Amino acid sequence: MSTALALIHDGALAAGIGTVLYPVTVTTAALTALLAPTPQRRRDARTVLTILLRNHRRK
């Protein structure tokens, strides 16, 4: 029974990490899109942000 509980715990931990990691990634892309020193980097960051947000809305 302890193996099943360990699997449940590990799954919940992975879900929690994913829940935190996604907004951090979106925030980083948004800040890069605003603060990057070159226009090309800002454009690339906006593209990444668009992809992340478009994929998130489908779920």
PDB file of N, CA and C in Angstrom:
ATOM      1  N   MET A   1       0.808  -1.189   0.000  1.00  0.00           N
ATOM      2  CA  MET A   1       0.000   0.000   0.000  1.00  0.00           C
ATOM      3  C   MET A   1       0.856   1.259   0.000  1.00  0.00           C
ATOM      4  N   SER A   2       2.044   1.212   0.577  1.00  0.00           N
ATOM      5  CA  SER A   2       2.894   2.403   0.620  1.00  0.00           C
ATOM      6  C   SER A   2       3.377   2.789  -0.777  1.00  0.00           C
ATOM      7  N   THR A   3       3.520   1.815  -1.679  1.00  0.00           N
ATOM      8  CA  THR A   3       3.915   2.122  -3.051  1.00  0.00           C
ATOM      9  C   THR A   3       2.824   2.924  -3.749  1.00  0.00           C
ATOM     10  N   ALA A   4       1.572   2.545  -3.547  1.00  0.00           N
ATOM     11  CA  ALA A   4       0.461   3.279  -4.142  1.00  0.00           C
ATOM     12  C   ALA A   4       0.403   4.703  -3.595  1.00  0.00           C
ATOM     13  N   LEU A   5       0.600   4.852  -2.310  1.00  0.00           N
ATOM     14  CA  LEU A   5       0.598   6.188  -1.729  1.00  0.00           C
ATOM     15  C   LEU A   5       1.761   7.019  -2.238  1.00  0.00           C
ATOM     16  N   ALA A   6       2.911   6.389  -2.423  1.00  0.00           N
ATOM     17  CA  ALA A   6       4.068   7.097  -2.964  1.00  0.00           C
ATOM     18  C   ALA A   6       3.794   7.547  -4.400  1.00  0.00           C
ATOM     19  N   LEU A   7       3.144   6.717  -5.199  1.00  0.00           N
ATOM     20  CA  LEU A   7       2.802   7.092  -6.566  1.00  0.00           C
ATOM     21  C   LEU A   7       1.806   8.250  -6.592  1.00  0.00           C
ATOM     22  N   ILE A   8       0.821   8.211  -5.719  1.00  0.00           N
ATOM     23  CA  ILE A   8      -0.149   9.309  -5.634  1.00  0.00           C
ATOM     24  C   ILE A   8       0.554  10.597  -5.227  1.00  0.00           C
ATOM     25  N   HIS A   9       1.427  10.498  -4.252  1.00  0.00           N
ATOM     26  CA  HIS A   9       2.182  11.669  -3.790  1.00  0.00           C
ATOM     27  C   HIS A   9       3.053  12.227  -4.905  1.00  0.00           C
ATOM     28  N   ASP A  10       3.761  11.351  -5.609  1.00  0.00           N
ATOM     29  CA  ASP A  10       4.636  11.794  -6.692  1.00  0.00           C
ATOM     30  C   ASP A  10       3.836  12.426  -7.832  1.00  0.00           C
ATOM     31  N   GLY A  11       2.677  11.867  -8.132  1.00  0.00           N
ATOM     32  CA  GLY A  11       1.822  12.444  -9.167  1.00  0.00           C
ATOM     33  C   GLY A  11       1.310  13.812  -8.780  1.00  0.00           C
ATOM     34  N   ALA A  12       0.909  13.957  -7.530  1.00  0.00           N
ATOM     35  CA  ALA A  12       0.439  15.254  -7.050  1.00  0.00           C
ATOM     36  C   ALA A  12       1.570  16.275  -7.051  1.00  0.00           C
ATOM     37  N   LEU A  13       2.756  15.841  -6.701  1.00  0.00           N
ATOM     38  CA  LEU A  13       3.918  16.726  -6.707  1.00  0.00           C
ATOM     39  C   LEU A  13       4.242  17.178  -8.131  1.00  0.00           C
ATOM     40  N   ALA A  14       4.206  16.265  -9.071  1.00  0.00           N
ATOM     41  CA  ALA A  14       4.470  16.603 -10.476  1.00  0.00           C
ATOM     42  C   ALA A  14       3.416  17.577 -11.006  1.00  0.00           C
ATOM     43  N   ALA A  15       2.165  17.366 -10.652  1.00  0.00           N
ATOM     44  CA  ALA A  15       1.098  18.275 -11.084  1.00  0.00           C
ATOM     45  C   ALA A  15       1.298  19.671 -10.477  1.00  0.00           C
ATOM     46  N   GLY A  16       1.702  19.707  -9.241  1.00  0.00           N
ATOM     47  CA  GLY A  16       1.958  20.992  -8.591  1.00  0.00           C
ATOM     48  C   GLY A  16       3.122  21.733  -9.217  1.00  0.00           C
ATOM     49  N   ILE A  17       4.162  21.007  -9.549  1.00  0.00           N
ATOM     50  CA  ILE A  17       5.319  21.630 -10.197  1.00  0.00           C
ATOM     51  C   ILE A  17       4.918  22.168 -11.572  1.00  0.00           C
ATOM     52  N   GLY A  18       4.133  21.400 -12.311  1.00  0.00           N
ATOM     53  CA  GLY A  18       3.667  21.861 -13.615  1.00  0.00           C
ATOM     54  C   GLY A  18       2.786  23.091 -13.508  1.00  0.00           C
ATOM     55  N   THR A  19       1.972  23.138 -12.460  1.00  0.00           N
ATOM     56  CA  THR A  19       1.095  24.276 -12.231  1.00  0.00           C
ATOM     57  C   THR A  19       1.891  25.542 -11.964  1.00  0.00           C
ATOM     58  N   VAL A  20       3.025  25.413 -11.322  1.00  0.00           N
ATOM     59  CA  VAL A  20       3.879  26.572 -11.036  1.00  0.00           C
ATOM     60  C   VAL A  20       4.778  26.895 -12.222  1.00  0.00           C
ATOM     61  N   LEU A  21       5.277  25.893 -12.898  1.00  0.00           N
ATOM     62  CA  LEU A  21       6.244  26.090 -13.972  1.00  0.00           C
ATOM     63  C   LEU A  21       5.637  26.805 -15.174  1.00  0.00           C
ATOM     64  N   TYR A  22       4.405  26.496 -15.535  1.00  0.00           N
ATOM     65  CA  TYR A  22       3.782  27.108 -16.709  1.00  0.00           C
ATOM     66  C   TYR A  22       3.641  28.629 -16.553  1.00  0.00           C
ATOM     67  N   PRO A  23       3.067  29.131 -15.458  1.00  0.00           N
ATOM     68  CA  PRO A  23       2.973  30.598 -15.325  1.00  0.00           C
ATOM     69  C   PRO A  23       4.333  31.286 -15.263  1.00  0.00           C
ATOM     70  N   VAL A  24       5.323  30.626 -14.680  1.00  0.00           N
ATOM     71  CA  VAL A  24       6.668  31.205 -14.643  1.00  0.00           C
ATOM     72  C   VAL A  24       7.216  31.323 -16.064  1.00  0.00           C
ATOM     73  N   THR A  25       6.985  30.311 -16.887  1.00  0.00           N
ATOM     74  CA  THR A  25       7.442  30.340 -18.270  1.00  0.00           C
ATOM     75  C   THR A  25       6.741  31.445 -19.052  1.00  0.00           C
ATOM     76  N   VAL A  26       5.439  31.584 -18.882  1.00  0.00           N
ATOM     77  CA  VAL A  26       4.684  32.633 -19.578  1.00  0.00           C
ATOM     78  C   VAL A  26       5.154  34.011 -19.118  1.00  0.00           C
ATOM     79  N   THR A  27       5.361  34.179 -17.829  1.00  0.00           N
ATOM     80  CA  THR A  27       5.825  35.461 -17.302  1.00  0.00           C
ATOM     81  C   THR A  27       7.203  35.811 -17.844  1.00  0.00           C
ATOM     82  N   THR A  28       8.093  34.841 -17.902  1.00  0.00           N
ATOM     83  CA  THR A  28       9.430  35.070 -18.442  1.00  0.00           C
ATOM     84  C   THR A  28       9.362  35.484 -19.905  1.00  0.00           C
ATOM     85  N   ALA A  29       8.529  34.813 -20.691  1.00  0.00           N
ATOM     86  CA  ALA A  29       8.381  35.171 -22.103  1.00  0.00           C
ATOM     87  C   ALA A  29       7.802  36.569 -22.245  1.00  0.00           C
ATOM     88  N   ALA A  30       6.825  36.920 -21.412  1.00  0.00           N
ATOM     89  CA  ALA A  30       6.216  38.250 -21.482  1.00  0.00           C
ATOM     90  C   ALA A  30       7.228  39.337 -21.119  1.00  0.00           C
ATOM     91  N   LEU A  31       8.003  39.102 -20.081  1.00  0.00           N
ATOM     92  CA  LEU A  31       9.017  40.085 -19.698  1.00  0.00           C
ATOM     93  C   LEU A  31      10.095  40.224 -20.766  1.00  0.00           C
ATOM     94  N   THR A  32      10.472  39.120 -21.366  1.00  0.00           N
ATOM     95  CA  THR A  32      11.452  39.170 -22.445  1.00  0.00           C
ATOM     96  C   THR A  32      10.895  39.936 -23.637  1.00  0.00           C
ATOM     97  N   ALA A  33       9.618  39.720 -23.950  1.00  0.00           N
ATOM     98  CA  ALA A  33       8.989  40.431 -25.062  1.00  0.00           C
ATOM     99  C   ALA A  33       8.968  41.943 -24.803  1.00  0.00           C
ATOM    100  N   LEU A  34       8.878  42.336 -23.552  1.00  0.00           N
ATOM    101  CA  LEU A  34       8.849  43.758 -23.222  1.00  0.00           C
ATOM    102  C   LEU A  34      10.232  44.373 -23.076  1.00  0.00           C
ATOM    103  N   LEU A  35      11.172  43.616 -22.525  1.00  0.00           N
ATOM    104  CA  LEU A  35      12.446  44.197 -22.098  1.00  0.00           C
ATOM    105  C   LEU A  35      13.669  43.779 -22.903  1.00  0.00           C
ATOM    106  N   ALA A  36      13.508  42.966 -23.918  1.00  0.00           N
ATOM    107  CA  ALA A  36      14.672  42.501 -24.687  1.00  0.00           C
ATOM    108  C   ALA A  36      15.350  43.682 -25.378  1.00  0.00           C
ATOM    109  N   PRO A  37      16.671  43.646 -25.484  1.00  0.00           N
ATOM    110  CA  PRO A  37      17.384  44.794 -26.035  1.00  0.00           C
ATOM    111  C   PRO A  37      17.261  44.959 -27.560  1.00  0.00           C
ATOM    112  N   THR A  38      16.972  43.897 -28.274  1.00  0.00           N
ATOM    113  CA  THR A  38      16.890  44.010 -29.730  1.00  0.00           C
ATOM    114  C   THR A  38      15.480  43.695 -30.213  1.00  0.00           C
ATOM    115  N   PRO A  39      15.075  44.300 -31.311  1.00  0.00           N
ATOM    116  CA  PRO A  39      13.739  44.026 -31.859  1.00  0.00           C
ATOM    117  C   PRO A  39      13.529  42.550 -32.229  1.00  0.00           C
ATOM    118  N   GLN A  40      14.569  41.895 -32.717  1.00  0.00           N
ATOM    119  CA  GLN A  40      14.433  40.481 -33.088  1.00  0.00           C
ATOM    120  C   GLN A  40      14.138  39.613 -31.872  1.00  0.00           C
ATOM    121  N   ARG A  41      14.816  39.864 -30.767  1.00  0.00           N
ATOM    122  CA  ARG A  41      14.555  39.088 -29.545  1.00  0.00           C
ATOM    123  C   ARG A  41      13.151  39.354 -29.012  1.00  0.00           C
ATOM    124  N   ARG A  42      12.706  40.610 -29.073  1.00  0.00           N
ATOM    125  CA  ARG A  42      11.348  40.921 -28.628  1.00  0.00           C
ATOM    126  C   ARG A  42      10.313  40.222 -29.501  1.00  0.00           C
ATOM    127  N   ARG A  43      10.550  40.216 -30.794  1.00  0.00           N
ATOM    128  CA  ARG A  43       9.628  39.544 -31.722  1.00  0.00           C
ATOM    129  C   ARG A  43       9.598  38.042 -31.456  1.00  0.00           C
ATOM    130  N   ASP A  44      10.775  37.441 -31.240  1.00  0.00           N
ATOM    131  CA  ASP A  44      10.833  36.009 -30.941  1.00  0.00           C
ATOM    132  C   ASP A  44      10.120  35.684 -29.632  1.00  0.00           C
ATOM    133  N   ALA A  45      10.294  36.540 -28.630  1.00  0.00           N
ATOM    134  CA  ALA A  45       9.624  36.311 -27.342  1.00  0.00           C
ATOM    135  C   ALA A  45       8.110  36.432 -27.495  1.00  0.00           C
ATOM    136  N   ARG A  46       7.646  37.388 -28.307  1.00  0.00           N
ATOM    137  CA  ARG A  46       6.203  37.507 -28.543  1.00  0.00           C
ATOM    138  C   ARG A  46       5.663  36.275 -29.261  1.00  0.00           C
ATOM    139  N   THR A  47       6.458  35.726 -30.178  1.00  0.00           N
ATOM    140  CA  THR A  47       6.045  34.514 -30.881  1.00  0.00           C
ATOM    141  C   THR A  47       5.909  33.348 -29.901  1.00  0.00           C
ATOM    142  N   VAL A  48       6.888  33.195 -29.023  1.00  0.00           N
ATOM    143  CA  VAL A  48       6.832  32.131 -28.014  1.00  0.00           C
ATOM    144  C   VAL A  48       5.627  32.337 -27.099  1.00  0.00           C
ATOM    145  N   LEU A  49       5.389  33.561 -26.691  1.00  0.00           N
ATOM    146  CA  LEU A  49       4.254  33.866 -25.822  1.00  0.00           C
ATOM    147  C   LEU A  49       2.937  33.540 -26.517  1.00  0.00           C
ATOM    148  N   THR A  50       2.839  33.870 -27.798  1.00  0.00           N
ATOM    149  CA  THR A  50       1.632  33.555 -28.565  1.00  0.00           C
ATOM    150  C   THR A  50       1.399  32.052 -28.613  1.00  0.00           C
ATOM    151  N   ILE A  51       2.453  31.307 -28.847  1.00  0.00           N
ATOM    152  CA  ILE A  51       2.333  29.847 -28.914  1.00  0.00           C
ATOM    153  C   ILE A  51       1.912  29.284 -27.561  1.00  0.00           C
ATOM    154  N   LEU A  52       2.529  29.754 -26.485  1.00  0.00           N
ATOM    155  CA  LEU A  52       2.194  29.246 -25.150  1.00  0.00           C
ATOM    156  C   LEU A  52       0.745  29.542 -24.789  1.00  0.00           C
ATOM    157  N   LEU A  53       0.290  30.741 -25.076  1.00  0.00           N
ATOM    158  CA  LEU A  53      -1.075  31.102 -24.697  1.00  0.00           C
ATOM    159  C   LEU A  53      -2.107  30.436 -25.590  1.00  0.00           C
ATOM    160  N   ARG A  54      -1.799  30.271 -26.867  1.00  0.00           N
ATOM    161  CA  ARG A  54      -2.729  29.607 -27.769  1.00  0.00           C
ATOM    162  C   ARG A  54      -2.903  28.141 -27.361  1.00  0.00           C
ATOM    163  N   ASN A  55      -1.817  27.465 -27.036  1.00  0.00           N
ATOM    164  CA  ASN A  55      -1.887  26.064 -26.623  1.00  0.00           C
ATOM    165  C   ASN A  55      -2.599  25.922 -25.285  1.00  0.00           C
ATOM    166  N   HIS A  56      -2.440  26.872 -24.406  1.00  0.00           N
ATOM    167  CA  HIS A  56      -3.062  26.793 -23.083  1.00  0.00           C
ATOM    168  C   HIS A  56      -4.581  26.947 -23.176  1.00  0.00           C
ATOM    169  N   ARG A  57      -5.061  27.805 -24.077  1.00  0.00           N
ATOM    170  CA  ARG A  57      -6.499  28.018 -24.202  1.00  0.00           C
ATOM    171  C   ARG A  57      -7.213  26.792 -24.764  1.00  0.00           C
ATOM    172  N   ARG A  58      -6.544  25.948 -25.509  1.00  0.00           N
ATOM    173  CA  ARG A  58      -7.154  24.760 -26.086  1.00  0.00           C
ATOM    174  C   ARG A  58      -7.446  23.702 -25.046  1.00  0.00           C
ATOM    175  N   LYS A  59      -6.726  23.690 -23.945  1.00  0.00           N
ATOM    176  CA  LYS A  59      -6.839  22.634 -22.950  1.00  0.00           C
ATOM    177  C   LYS A  59      -8.075  22.758 -22.140  1.00  0.00           C
TER     178      LYS A  59
END
